N, C-alpha and C. Protein backbone atom coordinates (compact mmCIF):
# COMPACT_ATOMS: atom_id res chain seq x y z
N MET A 1 10.03 49.24 -9.63
CA MET A 1 9.78 48.21 -9.61
C MET A 1 9.12 48.23 -7.67
N SER A 2 8.19 47.30 -7.72
CA SER A 2 7.84 47.10 -6.63
C SER A 2 7.84 46.19 -6.21
N LEU A 3 8.54 46.33 -4.36
CA LEU A 3 8.87 45.17 -3.91
C LEU A 3 8.41 43.96 -3.87
N GLN A 4 7.33 43.30 -3.95
CA GLN A 4 6.77 42.41 -4.18
C GLN A 4 7.78 41.59 -5.60
N LYS A 5 7.72 42.78 -6.58
CA LYS A 5 8.25 41.78 -7.76
C LYS A 5 10.01 41.93 -7.89
N TYR A 6 10.38 42.52 -6.85
CA TYR A 6 11.82 42.44 -6.37
C TYR A 6 12.21 41.51 -5.76
N GLN A 7 11.06 40.99 -4.91
CA GLN A 7 11.47 40.30 -3.77
C GLN A 7 11.53 38.89 -4.49
N ARG A 8 10.63 38.46 -5.79
CA ARG A 8 10.13 37.05 -6.34
C ARG A 8 11.56 36.75 -7.50
N LEU A 9 12.39 37.72 -7.57
CA LEU A 9 13.04 37.66 -8.88
C LEU A 9 13.77 36.59 -8.63
N PRO A 10 14.44 35.49 -9.56
CA PRO A 10 15.27 34.22 -9.14
C PRO A 10 16.71 34.98 -9.15
N HIS A 11 17.67 34.18 -8.10
CA HIS A 11 18.83 34.13 -8.24
C HIS A 11 19.57 33.52 -9.25
N ALA A 12 20.54 34.44 -9.59
CA ALA A 12 21.14 33.80 -10.65
C ALA A 12 22.01 32.44 -10.07
N LEU A 13 22.88 31.34 -11.19
CA LEU A 13 23.44 30.15 -10.42
C LEU A 13 24.84 30.42 -9.71
N ASN A 14 25.18 31.42 -9.97
CA ASN A 14 26.57 31.64 -9.25
C ASN A 14 26.36 32.64 -8.20
N CYS A 15 25.11 32.69 -7.53
CA CYS A 15 24.49 33.83 -6.47
C CYS A 15 25.55 33.13 -5.19
N ASP A 16 26.17 34.22 -4.97
CA ASP A 16 26.66 33.98 -3.29
C ASP A 16 26.09 34.97 -2.13
N CYS A 17 25.17 35.20 -2.21
CA CYS A 17 24.48 36.01 -1.01
C CYS A 17 23.80 35.17 -0.30
N SER A 18 23.69 35.47 1.00
CA SER A 18 23.33 34.77 2.03
C SER A 18 22.13 33.81 2.25
N VAL A 19 21.59 34.00 1.46
CA VAL A 19 20.08 33.10 1.41
C VAL A 19 20.54 32.02 0.63
N CYS A 20 21.22 32.37 -0.86
CA CYS A 20 21.65 30.90 -1.51
C CYS A 20 22.86 29.93 -0.90
N TRP A 21 23.71 30.94 0.14
CA TRP A 21 24.75 30.39 0.56
C TRP A 21 24.02 29.00 2.15
N SER A 22 22.81 29.72 2.91
CA SER A 22 22.42 29.32 3.61
C SER A 22 21.08 28.22 3.10
N ARG A 23 21.29 28.05 1.89
CA ARG A 23 20.31 27.03 1.36
C ARG A 23 21.03 25.98 0.86
N THR A 24 22.77 26.35 0.66
CA THR A 24 23.47 25.27 0.15
C THR A 24 23.94 23.74 1.55
N VAL A 25 24.41 25.46 2.11
CA VAL A 25 24.73 24.80 3.99
C VAL A 25 23.68 23.55 4.64
N THR A 26 22.11 24.03 4.50
CA THR A 26 21.21 23.69 4.90
C THR A 26 21.26 21.77 4.52
N VAL A 27 21.59 21.99 3.00
CA VAL A 27 21.35 20.68 2.46
C VAL A 27 22.10 19.82 3.14
N LYS A 28 23.86 20.19 3.14
CA LYS A 28 24.48 18.78 3.72
C LYS A 28 24.29 18.51 5.18
N PRO A 29 24.15 17.21 5.23
CA PRO A 29 23.86 16.79 6.75
C PRO A 29 24.68 17.52 8.02
N VAL A 30 24.44 17.48 8.69
CA VAL A 30 25.14 17.35 10.12
C VAL A 30 25.22 16.59 10.75
N PRO A 31 26.73 15.87 11.02
CA PRO A 31 26.68 14.57 11.62
C PRO A 31 26.48 15.18 13.03
N SER A 32 25.60 14.11 13.76
CA SER A 32 25.29 14.08 15.01
C SER A 32 26.43 14.03 16.16
N ARG A 33 26.50 14.94 17.14
CA ARG A 33 27.67 14.96 18.25
C ARG A 33 27.17 13.87 19.03
N PHE A 34 26.46 13.45 19.30
CA PHE A 34 26.16 12.32 19.64
C PHE A 34 26.06 10.76 19.29
N THR A 35 26.63 10.51 19.33
CA THR A 35 26.59 9.15 18.27
C THR A 35 26.18 7.96 18.96
N GLN A 36 25.08 7.05 18.96
CA GLN A 36 24.47 5.97 19.83
C GLN A 36 25.40 4.73 19.36
N CYS A 37 25.35 3.89 20.10
CA CYS A 37 26.06 2.96 20.43
C CYS A 37 24.69 1.41 20.15
N ASP A 38 25.31 0.12 19.97
CA ASP A 38 24.45 -0.56 20.23
C ASP A 38 23.16 -0.86 21.51
N GLN A 39 24.21 -0.33 22.78
CA GLN A 39 23.82 -0.23 24.06
C GLN A 39 22.53 0.23 24.20
N CYS A 40 22.89 1.81 23.53
CA CYS A 40 22.03 2.70 23.41
C CYS A 40 20.46 2.70 22.90
N ARG A 41 19.45 2.82 23.51
CA ARG A 41 18.17 3.10 22.68
C ARG A 41 17.41 4.35 23.45
N PRO A 42 16.49 4.76 22.53
CA PRO A 42 15.81 5.85 22.51
C PRO A 42 14.58 5.28 23.29
N ALA A 43 13.77 6.24 23.80
CA ALA A 43 12.40 5.95 24.53
C ALA A 43 11.77 5.98 23.88
N SER A 44 10.38 5.18 23.59
CA SER A 44 9.61 4.51 22.83
C SER A 44 8.32 4.04 23.67
N VAL A 45 7.52 4.20 22.63
CA VAL A 45 5.58 3.32 23.66
C VAL A 45 5.17 2.19 22.70
N GLN A 46 4.68 1.51 22.72
CA GLN A 46 4.10 0.45 22.34
C GLN A 46 2.66 0.11 22.94
N LEU A 47 2.09 -0.05 21.93
CA LEU A 47 0.55 -0.75 22.02
C LEU A 47 0.65 -2.32 22.58
N VAL A 48 0.19 -2.51 24.10
CA VAL A 48 -0.08 -4.37 24.26
C VAL A 48 -1.20 -4.68 24.92
N ASP A 49 -1.75 -5.44 23.92
CA ASP A 49 -3.29 -5.92 24.61
C ASP A 49 -4.15 -4.45 25.33
N GLY A 50 -4.36 -3.53 24.25
CA GLY A 50 -5.01 -2.40 23.97
C GLY A 50 -4.63 -1.47 25.26
N HIS A 51 -3.40 -2.06 26.02
CA HIS A 51 -2.81 -1.02 26.47
C HIS A 51 -1.39 -0.26 26.27
N TRP A 52 -1.07 0.86 26.42
CA TRP A 52 0.38 1.24 26.11
C TRP A 52 1.26 1.18 27.03
N LYS A 53 2.59 0.45 26.59
CA LYS A 53 3.43 0.53 27.38
C LYS A 53 4.91 1.31 27.05
N PRO A 54 5.13 1.85 27.72
CA PRO A 54 6.50 2.65 27.48
C PRO A 54 7.84 2.15 28.12
N THR A 55 7.98 2.27 27.51
CA THR A 55 9.55 2.26 27.66
C THR A 55 10.72 2.76 27.74
N PRO A 56 11.69 3.33 28.23
CA PRO A 56 12.38 4.56 28.76
C PRO A 56 13.83 4.43 28.13
N ARG A 57 13.69 5.48 27.92
CA ARG A 57 15.52 5.35 27.10
C ARG A 57 17.04 4.60 27.82
N PHE A 58 17.61 4.54 27.66
CA PHE A 58 18.90 3.89 28.19
C PHE A 58 20.21 4.38 27.72
N THR A 59 21.03 4.83 28.10
CA THR A 59 22.05 5.48 27.27
C THR A 59 23.15 4.53 28.50
N CYS A 60 24.04 4.04 27.87
CA CYS A 60 24.72 3.30 28.17
C CYS A 60 26.00 4.13 29.19
N ALA A 61 26.95 3.74 29.82
CA ALA A 61 28.11 4.68 30.80
C ALA A 61 28.77 5.43 29.78
N LYS A 62 29.53 4.77 28.89
CA LYS A 62 30.35 6.01 27.40
C LYS A 62 29.46 6.64 27.54
N HIS A 63 28.32 6.80 27.01
CA HIS A 63 27.67 8.06 26.49
C HIS A 63 26.48 9.00 27.54
N THR A 64 26.71 8.56 28.97
CA THR A 64 25.82 9.27 29.82
C THR A 64 26.95 10.32 30.34
N PRO A 65 26.32 11.34 29.89
CA PRO A 65 26.79 12.98 30.17
C PRO A 65 27.24 12.89 31.90
N SER A 66 28.54 13.64 32.54
CA SER A 66 29.08 13.66 33.37
C SER A 66 28.39 14.88 34.48
N ALA A 67 28.21 14.19 35.95
CA ALA A 67 27.35 15.02 36.50
C ALA A 67 27.88 16.35 36.73
N ARG A 68 28.95 16.72 36.60
CA ARG A 68 29.67 17.85 36.74
C ARG A 68 29.62 18.63 35.64
N PRO A 69 29.48 19.87 35.48
CA PRO A 69 29.87 20.89 34.23
C PRO A 69 31.27 20.79 33.86
N PRO A 70 31.72 20.78 32.82
CA PRO A 70 33.04 20.83 31.73
C PRO A 70 33.92 21.48 33.08
N LYS A 71 35.06 21.19 33.28
CA LYS A 71 36.37 22.09 33.67
C LYS A 71 36.37 23.59 33.76
N TYR A 72 36.02 23.78 32.37
CA TYR A 72 36.72 25.35 32.02
C TYR A 72 35.19 26.28 32.67
N TRP A 73 34.09 25.43 33.18
CA TRP A 73 32.88 26.56 33.59
C TRP A 73 33.64 27.16 35.20
N HIS A 74 34.37 26.69 35.68
CA HIS A 74 34.45 27.11 37.12
C HIS A 74 35.41 28.32 37.05
N VAL A 75 35.90 28.08 36.27
CA VAL A 75 37.11 29.56 36.09
C VAL A 75 36.55 30.91 36.00
N VAL A 76 36.64 31.54 36.67
CA VAL A 76 35.82 32.93 36.56
C VAL A 76 36.97 34.07 36.00
N TYR A 77 36.76 35.16 35.66
CA TYR A 77 37.75 36.09 35.20
C TYR A 77 38.23 36.64 36.67
N ASP A 78 39.34 36.96 36.37
CA ASP A 78 40.42 37.27 37.67
C ASP A 78 40.67 39.08 37.30
N SER A 79 40.16 39.76 37.59
CA SER A 79 40.72 41.39 36.81
C SER A 79 41.30 41.57 37.97
N GLY A 80 42.08 41.34 39.00
CA GLY A 80 42.93 42.02 40.33
C GLY A 80 41.88 42.32 41.07
N LYS A 81 42.99 42.64 41.89
CA LYS A 81 42.25 43.41 43.26
C LYS A 81 40.79 44.10 43.29
N PRO A 82 39.96 44.43 43.68
CA PRO A 82 38.83 45.44 43.92
C PRO A 82 39.42 46.33 44.72
N ALA A 83 38.44 47.55 43.71
CA ALA A 83 39.29 48.83 43.76
C ALA A 83 37.87 49.13 45.61
N PRO A 84 38.58 49.86 46.15
CA PRO A 84 38.23 50.25 48.04
C PRO A 84 37.12 50.68 47.52
N TYR A 85 36.20 50.72 48.97
CA TYR A 85 34.70 51.19 48.67
C TYR A 85 35.05 52.80 49.60
N VAL A 86 35.09 53.58 49.29
CA VAL A 86 35.26 54.98 49.98
C VAL A 86 33.93 55.68 49.97
N PRO A 87 33.07 55.64 51.22
CA PRO A 87 32.10 56.27 51.63
C PRO A 87 32.07 58.15 51.65
N ILE A 88 31.08 58.28 50.71
CA ILE A 88 31.21 59.86 50.65
C ILE A 88 30.70 60.65 51.92
N SER A 89 30.92 61.49 52.35
CA SER A 89 30.04 61.93 53.37
C SER A 89 29.17 63.27 53.16
N LYS A 90 30.08 64.01 52.14
CA LYS A 90 29.25 65.49 51.65
C LYS A 90 28.84 65.33 50.12
N PRO A 91 27.52 65.17 50.04
CA PRO A 91 27.08 65.17 48.63
C PRO A 91 27.89 65.98 47.38
N PHE A 92 28.12 66.02 46.63
CA PHE A 92 28.67 67.06 45.79
C PHE A 92 28.04 67.15 44.61
N GLU A 93 28.54 68.09 43.61
CA GLU A 93 27.67 68.17 42.26
C GLU A 93 29.06 68.42 41.13
N LEU A 94 28.94 67.81 40.02
CA LEU A 94 29.71 67.62 39.23
C LEU A 94 29.94 69.54 38.39
N GLU A 95 31.08 70.30 38.36
CA GLU A 95 31.17 71.09 37.76
C GLU A 95 31.51 71.28 36.02
């Protein structure tokens, strides 16, 4: 059987391969992490008297992201004391 004929074979109704799984997952709507309230508005452009009038977006104080990153970003992995630097005065070869 050639590769093109194999790729065009229909999947079974109860197929649980990654292709069929991704089709079922993408059909479901994903809730947005950012839910706008009545005060928030997206940016828009309107034609007024032959001129385009842009309206900037507005985000209320509740949905405005903080200026600082989340707290866990400043944590750095501490692996202990660093190994001391020992300069090598004479080159050597591995045996």
